[in-house]
Every structure is written in structure tokens, then in C-alpha cells.
Amino acid sequence: MAPVYIQVDAQGNFYSTQFTTTGANLSSRVYSSSNDLQTALCDRGAKIAFWGADAVATLPGSTIEVFEYVLRGSATGSNYFISSKDEDFVFIQRGGAGDGWQLTPLRLRLPRVGDLVPVHRFLGADEAGTVTHFFTADAGEFATWMGKVNTAPTSARWWTYEGVAFSAPAVTTSNGVATCANSTLTPVFRVSGIAQGASQPKYRYVANAATLTSLQAMGYRLDGTAFCAIRE
């Protein structure tokens, strides 16, 4: 699905521009009111992206949706990737990350406002052939992975800091028990596919208890908690 980008002028007029997956401009039209815009676009199931001052596309409303992609069939296990950024969605859909990536049904919803912390994103590997993404909101883990980033890379071992992926409620762990600020939130667990063919883990992030149990039965291990999301 191609994204629809919305612009608003100083008079409050809505402008919509539909793009193809190759970035070609298909059409541009002025809508005099948000109701007209909703009728023309939203009710047809169009994907809407609003660009903020930080140049990051966000969806309207009080929450942010984090989507998940998977690349299956690797000899060292499946690769999973999560993002809330529309540019990542478009990049993967265009094949920028390579062939074979598929959108999974997993979704995480995050509050847009409140007591939030940055969730940092790293890409790299500790062994050859085990490239994975690592997400964390924990200051200690962030420092550890930045140490890896600042270590001289080799052909097998390298890490890159890709910036803040999104903001989310922090998770607190005490005596091995992960908790969030209130009952409307739930911990997002980091599981690693360490038993999937290599000693270096490939990470996945899940909040659903049934999904977590299923992954553990497949040989994944619970690696810890990364952040909190809205309880579904």
C-alpha cells in the first residue's frame, strides 16, 4: 500500500499527495475540510502519514503503532525488525532491505504522550552471519552497546547505532519481575533465537504471553525486557 502524505496550508486547507512505491507523484488535490478528506481517503483504507517538525512520520491519534517484519529461511534463524517510522515501512516495501521480508500480524501500540523514554536501535553482529537489531531503553544496555559500536569492527563482529527508534514507557525489573507504570501497560519482552542455529542470538520483541510461550517452546530464550507498551 502506498502512503498518502498530508499537508495543511496557512488557511487550513488540506492537500493530499498519493505516491507509488517508487516515489512517483500520482496526484495532488485540495480538500476544504477534514470531513472531505476523511470521505475521500480514510474511508477507503488509505494509509495516512503526518510529517512532524522532526521529519519523522507519525500517525494521528493518541497512540503510535509499531509494526514487525520477519525474514525467514536463514540458516542462522529468522530475522525480526520493528519500527513505527513510515520511512522504514516504505524502504522495506520497496525492497531496500533485500527480498523476502514480510509484514507479520504482530503490533505494539505505544502512548504518544506521558512519561516516556527513548528506545535506542542498534544493528550488528557478534558472529559472522548473525546480523540482528537490538532495541533498548535501559541506560546500562545502551552504554554496553555503544561500547560495541566504538570497538574496532571486524568482518564478523560489528555494531552500528541507528538512533532513537521511538519513545515508550520505561519498564522496571526487580528480583526478576518486570513491571510497568500502571495496569494499562504491559512489558515488551526481548527473546533471542540463540537455539536457532548459532550461539549469537537474533532478537525478537513480543508483549503477548501466548506468543512468548510459543517462542520459548520453539527454543527461544527470554533475554529480558526492553520497554512497555499498551496492554491489548
C-alpha atoms as a PDB file:
ATOM      1  CA  MET A   1       0.000   0.000   0.000  1.00  0.00           C
ATOM      2  CA  ALA A   2       1.385   3.393  -0.955  1.00  0.00           C
ATOM      3  CA  PRO A   3       1.368   6.045   1.774  1.00  0.00           C
ATOM      4  CA  VAL A   4      -0.637   9.247   1.494  1.00  0.00           C
ATOM      5  CA  TYR A   5       1.124  12.360   2.779  1.00  0.00           C
ATOM      6  CA  ILE A   6      -0.991  15.226   4.098  1.00  0.00           C
ATOM      7  CA  GLN A   7      -0.064  18.906   4.090  1.00  0.00           C
ATOM      8  CA  VAL A   8      -2.042  21.817   5.566  1.00  0.00           C
ATOM      9  CA  ASP A   9      -1.601  25.408   4.405  1.00  0.00           C
ATOM     10  CA  ALA A  10      -1.909  28.610   6.454  1.00  0.00           C
ATOM     11  CA  GLN A  11      -5.648  28.806   5.695  1.00  0.00           C
ATOM     12  CA  GLY A  12      -6.259  25.288   6.972  1.00  0.00           C
ATOM     13  CA  ASN A  13      -6.770  23.729   3.546  1.00  0.00           C
ATOM     14  CA  PHE A  14      -5.782  20.093   3.261  1.00  0.00           C
ATOM     15  CA  TYR A  15      -3.564  18.946   0.416  1.00  0.00           C
ATOM     16  CA  SER A  16      -3.076  15.240  -0.288  1.00  0.00           C
ATOM     17  CA  THR A  17      -0.438  13.653  -2.473  1.00  0.00           C
ATOM     18  CA  GLN A  18      -0.524   9.941  -3.312  1.00  0.00           C
ATOM     19  CA  PHE A  19       2.818   8.249  -4.005  1.00  0.00           C
ATOM     20  CA  THR A  20       3.632   4.949  -5.621  1.00  0.00           C
ATOM     21  CA  THR A  21       6.193   2.590  -4.063  1.00  0.00           C
ATOM     22  CA  THR A  22       8.782   4.039  -6.444  1.00  0.00           C
ATOM     23  CA  GLY A  23       8.171   7.568  -5.208  1.00  0.00           C
ATOM     24  CA  ALA A  24       6.409   8.859  -8.330  1.00  0.00           C
ATOM     25  CA  ASN A  25       3.809  11.564  -7.779  1.00  0.00           C
ATOM     26  CA  LEU A  26       0.388  10.299  -8.868  1.00  0.00           C
ATOM     27  CA  SER A  27      -1.962  13.086  -7.881  1.00  0.00           C
ATOM     28  CA  SER A  28      -2.465  16.206  -5.802  1.00  0.00           C
ATOM     29  CA  ARG A  29      -5.773  17.660  -4.662  1.00  0.00           C
ATOM     30  CA  VAL A  30      -7.090  20.308  -2.271  1.00  0.00           C
ATOM     31  CA  TYR A  31      -9.702  19.330   0.318  1.00  0.00           C
ATOM     32  CA  SER A  32     -11.592  22.137   2.019  1.00  0.00           C
ATOM     33  CA  SER A  33     -12.277  20.291   5.260  1.00  0.00           C
ATOM     34  CA  SER A  34     -11.117  17.318   7.254  1.00  0.00           C
ATOM     35  CA  ASN A  35     -14.513  15.666   6.671  1.00  0.00           C
ATOM     36  CA  ASP A  36     -13.994  15.850   2.905  1.00  0.00           C
ATOM     37  CA  LEU A  37     -10.518  14.413   3.361  1.00  0.00           C
ATOM     38  CA  GLN A  38     -11.807  11.548   5.502  1.00  0.00           C
ATOM     39  CA  THR A  39     -14.505  10.716   2.976  1.00  0.00           C
ATOM     40  CA  ALA A  40     -12.060  10.773   0.061  1.00  0.00           C
ATOM     41  CA  LEU A  41      -9.169   8.931   1.661  1.00  0.00           C
ATOM     42  CA  CYS A  42      -9.607   7.496   5.139  1.00  0.00           C
ATOM     43  CA  ASP A  43     -12.853   5.656   4.459  1.00  0.00           C
ATOM     44  CA  ARG A  44     -11.140   3.921   1.552  1.00  0.00           C
ATOM     45  CA  GLY A  45      -8.487   2.481   3.848  1.00  0.00           C
ATOM     46  CA  ALA A  46      -5.647   4.713   2.680  1.00  0.00           C
ATOM     47  CA  LYS A  47      -2.526   4.790   4.816  1.00  0.00           C
ATOM     48  CA  ILE A  48      -2.065   8.274   6.277  1.00  0.00           C
ATOM     49  CA  ALA A  49       1.285   9.651   7.425  1.00  0.00           C
ATOM     50  CA  PHE A  50       1.771  13.056   9.078  1.00  0.00           C
ATOM     51  CA  TRP A  51       5.269  14.524   8.998  1.00  0.00           C
ATOM     52  CA  GLY A  52       6.289  16.380  12.147  1.00  0.00           C
ATOM     53  CA  ALA A  53       8.926  19.037  12.695  1.00  0.00           C
ATOM     54  CA  ASP A  54      11.483  16.320  13.460  1.00  0.00           C
ATOM     55  CA  ALA A  55      10.956  14.890   9.944  1.00  0.00           C
ATOM     56  CA  VAL A  56       9.620  11.633  11.400  1.00  0.00           C
ATOM     57  CA  ALA A  57       6.319  10.384  10.038  1.00  0.00           C
ATOM     58  CA  THR A  58       3.745   9.705  12.718  1.00  0.00           C
ATOM     59  CA  LEU A  59       0.152   8.567  12.658  1.00  0.00           C
ATOM     60  CA  PRO A  60      -2.569  10.825  14.074  1.00  0.00           C
ATOM     61  CA  GLY A  61      -4.184   9.989  17.401  1.00  0.00           C
ATOM     62  CA  SER A  62      -3.074   9.350  20.943  1.00  0.00           C
ATOM     63  CA  THR A  63      -1.041   6.219  20.174  1.00  0.00           C
ATOM     64  CA  ILE A  64       1.772   5.112  17.883  1.00  0.00           C
ATOM     65  CA  GLU A  65       1.739   1.715  16.175  1.00  0.00           C
ATOM     66  CA  VAL A  66       4.916  -0.339  15.966  1.00  0.00           C
ATOM     67  CA  PHE A  67       4.886  -2.924  13.180  1.00  0.00           C
ATOM     68  CA  GLU A  68       7.051  -6.019  12.754  1.00  0.00           C
ATOM     69  CA  TYR A  69       8.750  -7.599   9.740  1.00  0.00           C
ATOM     70  CA  VAL A  70      10.346 -11.032   9.501  1.00  0.00           C
ATOM     71  CA  LEU A  71      12.916 -12.518   7.130  1.00  0.00           C
ATOM     72  CA  ARG A  72      12.536 -16.279   7.294  1.00  0.00           C
ATOM     73  CA  GLY A  73      14.649 -19.119   5.965  1.00  0.00           C
ATOM     74  CA  SER A  74      18.067 -18.022   7.197  1.00  0.00           C
ATOM     75  CA  ALA A  75      20.484 -20.796   8.160  1.00  0.00           C
ATOM     76  CA  THR A  76      21.049 -18.991  11.451  1.00  0.00           C
ATOM     77  CA  GLY A  77      17.388 -18.343  12.237  1.00  0.00           C
ATOM     78  CA  SER A  78      14.758 -15.773  11.365  1.00  0.00           C
ATOM     79  CA  ASN A  79      15.465 -12.048  11.487  1.00  0.00           C
ATOM     80  CA  TYR A  80      12.859  -9.730  13.048  1.00  0.00           C
ATOM     81  CA  PHE A  81      12.641  -5.958  12.782  1.00  0.00           C
ATOM     82  CA  ILE A  82      10.256  -3.478  14.426  1.00  0.00           C
ATOM     83  CA  SER A  83       9.600   0.172  13.634  1.00  0.00           C
ATOM     84  CA  SER A  84       6.996   2.903  13.960  1.00  0.00           C
ATOM     85  CA  LYS A  85       8.513   5.002  11.171  1.00  0.00           C
ATOM     86  CA  ASP A  86       6.756   5.292   7.853  1.00  0.00           C
ATOM     87  CA  GLU A  87      10.056   5.679   6.007  1.00  0.00           C
ATOM     88  CA  ASP A  88      11.104   2.219   7.257  1.00  0.00           C
ATOM     89  CA  PHE A  89       7.794   0.793   6.021  1.00  0.00           C
ATOM     90  CA  VAL A  90       8.322   2.314   2.573  1.00  0.00           C
ATOM     91  CA  PHE A  91      12.006   1.306   2.464  1.00  0.00           C
ATOM     92  CA  ILE A  92      11.214  -2.350   3.176  1.00  0.00           C
ATOM     93  CA  GLN A  93       8.207  -2.435   0.846  1.00  0.00           C
ATOM     94  CA  ARG A  94      10.422  -1.118  -1.969  1.00  0.00           C
ATOM     95  CA  GLY A  95      12.940  -3.920  -1.345  1.00  0.00           C
ATOM     96  CA  GLY A  96      15.589  -1.659   0.141  1.00  0.00           C
ATOM     97  CA  ALA A  97      16.359  -4.210   2.855  1.00  0.00           C
ATOM     98  CA  GLY A  98      16.516  -7.069   0.342  1.00  0.00           C
ATOM     99  CA  ASP A  99      13.997  -9.625  -0.821  1.00  0.00           C
ATOM    100  CA  GLY A 100      11.976 -11.883   1.444  1.00  0.00           C
ATOM    101  CA  TRP A 101      10.884  -9.521   4.225  1.00  0.00           C
ATOM    102  CA  GLN A 102       7.238  -9.993   5.221  1.00  0.00           C
ATOM    103  CA  LEU A 103       4.954  -7.984   7.472  1.00  0.00           C
ATOM    104  CA  THR A 104       3.802 -10.065  10.470  1.00  0.00           C
ATOM    105  CA  PRO A 105       0.488  -9.734  12.351  1.00  0.00           C
ATOM    106  CA  LEU A 106       2.333  -8.562  15.476  1.00  0.00           C
ATOM    107  CA  ARG A 107       1.644  -4.962  16.500  1.00  0.00           C
ATOM    108  CA  LEU A 108       2.679  -2.942  19.519  1.00  0.00           C
ATOM    109  CA  ARG A 109       0.853   0.238  20.491  1.00  0.00           C
ATOM    110  CA  LEU A 110       2.663   2.983  22.377  1.00  0.00           C
ATOM    111  CA  PRO A 111       1.268   6.120  24.017  1.00  0.00           C
ATOM    112  CA  ARG A 112       2.191   9.305  22.185  1.00  0.00           C
ATOM    113  CA  VAL A 113       2.483  11.398  25.347  1.00  0.00           C
ATOM    114  CA  GLY A 114       3.267  10.801  29.014  1.00  0.00           C
ATOM    115  CA  ASP A 115       6.307   9.599  30.926  1.00  0.00           C
ATOM    116  CA  LEU A 116       8.292   8.202  28.001  1.00  0.00           C
ATOM    117  CA  VAL A 117      11.930   7.254  27.448  1.00  0.00           C
ATOM    118  CA  PRO A 118      13.868   6.881  24.170  1.00  0.00           C
ATOM    119  CA  VAL A 119      14.189   3.367  22.785  1.00  0.00           C
ATOM    120  CA  HIS A 120      17.549   3.048  21.038  1.00  0.00           C
ATOM    121  CA  ARG A 121      18.160   0.932  17.931  1.00  0.00           C
ATOM    122  CA  PHE A 122      21.377  -0.904  17.080  1.00  0.00           C
ATOM    123  CA  LEU A 123      22.264  -3.099  14.099  1.00  0.00           C
ATOM    124  CA  GLY A 124      25.134  -5.540  14.081  1.00  0.00           C
ATOM    125  CA  ALA A 125      26.502  -8.957  14.936  1.00  0.00           C
ATOM    126  CA  ASP A 126      28.888 -10.649  17.345  1.00  0.00           C
ATOM    127  CA  GLU A 127      29.459 -13.574  14.964  1.00  0.00           C
ATOM    128  CA  ALA A 128      29.539 -13.933  11.192  1.00  0.00           C
ATOM    129  CA  GLY A 129      26.114 -14.401   9.616  1.00  0.00           C
ATOM    130  CA  THR A 130      24.096 -13.362  12.650  1.00  0.00           C
ATOM    131  CA  VAL A 131      23.151  -9.754  11.887  1.00  0.00           C
ATOM    132  CA  THR A 132      20.286  -8.585  14.111  1.00  0.00           C
ATOM    133  CA  HIS A 133      18.634  -5.489  15.544  1.00  0.00           C
ATOM    134  CA  PHE A 134      18.899  -4.719  19.253  1.00  0.00           C
ATOM    135  CA  PHE A 135      16.430  -2.331  20.917  1.00  0.00           C
ATOM    136  CA  THR A 136      16.758  -0.996  24.446  1.00  0.00           C
ATOM    137  CA  ALA A 137      15.517   1.793  26.701  1.00  0.00           C
ATOM    138  CA  ASP A 138      17.874   0.782  29.504  1.00  0.00           C
ATOM    139  CA  ALA A 139      20.787   3.156  30.180  1.00  0.00           C
ATOM    140  CA  GLY A 140      23.138   0.320  31.127  1.00  0.00           C
ATOM    141  CA  GLU A 141      22.405  -1.701  27.994  1.00  0.00           C
ATOM    142  CA  PHE A 142      22.717   1.440  25.892  1.00  0.00           C
ATOM    143  CA  ALA A 143      26.204   2.047  27.334  1.00  0.00           C
ATOM    144  CA  THR A 144      27.198  -1.590  26.690  1.00  0.00           C
ATOM    145  CA  TRP A 145      26.119  -1.487  23.057  1.00  0.00           C
ATOM    146  CA  MET A 146      27.708   1.904  22.474  1.00  0.00           C
ATOM    147  CA  GLY A 147      30.905   0.272  23.707  1.00  0.00           C
ATOM    148  CA  LYS A 148      30.473  -2.322  20.977  1.00  0.00           C
ATOM    149  CA  VAL A 149      29.851   0.432  18.436  1.00  0.00           C
ATOM    150  CA  ASN A 150      33.075   2.151  19.456  1.00  0.00           C
ATOM    151  CA  THR A 151      35.100  -1.079  19.273  1.00  0.00           C
ATOM    152  CA  ALA A 152      37.087  -1.585  16.080  1.00  0.00           C
ATOM    153  CA  PRO A 153      34.916  -3.724  13.795  1.00  0.00           C
ATOM    154  CA  THR A 154      35.958  -6.981  12.170  1.00  0.00           C
ATOM    155  CA  SER A 155      34.388  -8.878   9.279  1.00  0.00           C
ATOM    156  CA  ALA A 156      32.373 -10.917  11.794  1.00  0.00           C
ATOM    157  CA  ARG A 157      31.882  -8.533  14.724  1.00  0.00           C
ATOM    158  CA  TRP A 158      30.492  -5.019  14.238  1.00  0.00           C
ATOM    159  CA  TRP A 159      27.721  -2.796  15.588  1.00  0.00           C
ATOM    160  CA  THR A 160      26.128   0.436  14.364  1.00  0.00           C
ATOM    161  CA  TYR A 161      23.972   2.845  16.343  1.00  0.00           C
ATOM    162  CA  GLU A 162      20.921   3.754  14.251  1.00  0.00           C
ATOM    163  CA  GLY A 163      19.460   6.333  16.636  1.00  0.00           C
ATOM    164  CA  VAL A 164      16.223   6.505  18.607  1.00  0.00           C
ATOM    165  CA  ALA A 165      13.622   4.171  17.143  1.00  0.00           C
ATOM    166  CA  PHE A 166      10.682   5.621  19.115  1.00  0.00           C
ATOM    167  CA  SER A 167       9.755   6.626  22.652  1.00  0.00           C
ATOM    168  CA  ALA A 168       7.945   4.306  25.064  1.00  0.00           C
ATOM    169  CA  PRO A 169       7.104   3.901  28.743  1.00  0.00           C
ATOM    170  CA  ALA A 170      10.028   2.537  30.732  1.00  0.00           C
ATOM    171  CA  VAL A 171       9.993  -0.934  32.245  1.00  0.00           C
ATOM    172  CA  THR A 172      11.260  -1.643  35.762  1.00  0.00           C
ATOM    173  CA  THR A 173      12.722  -5.016  36.718  1.00  0.00           C
ATOM    174  CA  SER A 174      13.082  -6.040  40.358  1.00  0.00           C
ATOM    175  CA  ASN A 175      14.036  -9.553  41.524  1.00  0.00           C
ATOM    176  CA  GLY A 176      13.477 -10.803  38.005  1.00  0.00           C
ATOM    177  CA  VAL A 177       9.929  -9.393  37.749  1.00  0.00           C
ATOM    178  CA  ALA A 178       9.214  -6.788  35.066  1.00  0.00           C
ATOM    179  CA  THR A 179       6.609  -4.127  35.802  1.00  0.00           C
ATOM    180  CA  CYS A 180       5.236  -1.044  34.069  1.00  0.00           C
ATOM    181  CA  ALA A 181       3.915   2.200  35.497  1.00  0.00           C
ATOM    182  CA  ASN A 182       0.256   1.096  35.593  1.00  0.00           C
ATOM    183  CA  SER A 183      -2.159  -1.675  34.628  1.00  0.00           C
ATOM    184  CA  THR A 184      -2.859  -0.197  31.178  1.00  0.00           C
ATOM    185  CA  LEU A 185       0.696  -1.079  30.155  1.00  0.00           C
ATOM    186  CA  THR A 186       2.495  -4.383  29.718  1.00  0.00           C
ATOM    187  CA  PRO A 187       6.203  -5.280  29.424  1.00  0.00           C
ATOM    188  CA  VAL A 188       7.636  -5.942  25.968  1.00  0.00           C
ATOM    189  CA  PHE A 189       9.929  -8.943  26.283  1.00  0.00           C
ATOM    190  CA  ARG A 190      13.137  -9.426  24.341  1.00  0.00           C
ATOM    191  CA  VAL A 191      13.585 -13.040  23.276  1.00  0.00           C
ATOM    192  CA  SER A 192      16.625 -14.395  21.499  1.00  0.00           C
ATOM    193  CA  GLY A 193      16.853 -17.177  18.960  1.00  0.00           C
ATOM    194  CA  ILE A 194      20.074 -18.464  20.443  1.00  0.00           C
ATOM    195  CA  ALA A 195      18.988 -22.053  19.871  1.00  0.00           C
ATOM    196  CA  GLN A 196      18.118 -21.458  16.234  1.00  0.00           C
ATOM    197  CA  GLY A 197      21.462 -22.445  14.725  1.00  0.00           C
ATOM    198  CA  ALA A 198      24.109 -20.136  16.172  1.00  0.00           C
ATOM    199  CA  SER A 199      25.457 -19.086  19.547  1.00  0.00           C
ATOM    200  CA  GLN A 200      24.864 -15.397  18.805  1.00  0.00           C
ATOM    201  CA  PRO A 201      21.204 -14.527  19.404  1.00  0.00           C
ATOM    202  CA  LYS A 202      18.826 -12.925  16.958  1.00  0.00           C
ATOM    203  CA  TYR A 203      16.302 -10.831  18.829  1.00  0.00           C
ATOM    204  CA  ARG A 204      12.524 -10.503  18.711  1.00  0.00           C
ATOM    205  CA  TYR A 205      10.225  -8.274  20.796  1.00  0.00           C
ATOM    206  CA  VAL A 206       6.824  -9.508  21.988  1.00  0.00           C
ATOM    207  CA  ALA A 207       4.247  -8.415  24.558  1.00  0.00           C
ATOM    208  CA  ASN A 208       1.712 -11.220  24.096  1.00  0.00           C
ATOM    209  CA  ALA A 209       2.055 -14.005  26.683  1.00  0.00           C
ATOM    210  CA  ALA A 210       0.860 -16.718  24.286  1.00  0.00           C
ATOM    211  CA  THR A 211       3.391 -15.642  21.642  1.00  0.00           C
ATOM    212  CA  LEU A 212       6.145 -15.634  24.266  1.00  0.00           C
ATOM    213  CA  THR A 213       5.245 -19.166  25.398  1.00  0.00           C
ATOM    214  CA  SER A 214       5.147 -20.386  21.786  1.00  0.00           C
ATOM    215  CA  LEU A 215       8.582 -18.921  21.038  1.00  0.00           C
ATOM    216  CA  GLN A 216      10.085 -20.467  24.156  1.00  0.00           C
ATOM    217  CA  ALA A 217       8.690 -23.853  23.083  1.00  0.00           C
ATOM    218  CA  MET A 218      10.496 -23.351  19.741  1.00  0.00           C
ATOM    219  CA  GLY A 219      13.823 -22.873  21.516  1.00  0.00           C
ATOM    220  CA  TYR A 220      13.905 -19.124  22.010  1.00  0.00           C
ATOM    221  CA  ARG A 221      15.022 -17.903  25.403  1.00  0.00           C
ATOM    222  CA  LEU A 222      13.796 -14.942  27.420  1.00  0.00           C
ATOM    223  CA  ASP A 223      16.552 -12.354  27.264  1.00  0.00           C
ATOM    224  CA  GLY A 224      14.898  -9.604  29.318  1.00  0.00           C
ATOM    225  CA  THR A 225      12.514  -6.689  28.888  1.00  0.00           C
ATOM    226  CA  ALA A 226      13.042  -3.752  26.564  1.00  0.00           C
ATOM    227  CA  PHE A 227      10.223  -1.269  27.280  1.00  0.00           C
ATOM    228  CA  CYS A 228       6.468  -1.123  27.967  1.00  0.00           C
ATOM    229  CA  ALA A 229       3.551  -0.958  25.523  1.00  0.00           C
ATOM    230  CA  ILE A 230      -0.203  -0.525  25.817  1.00  0.00           C
ATOM    231  CA  ARG A 231      -1.911  -3.662  27.099  1.00  0.00           C
ATOM    232  CA  GLU A 232      -4.255  -5.160  24.498  1.00  0.00           C
END
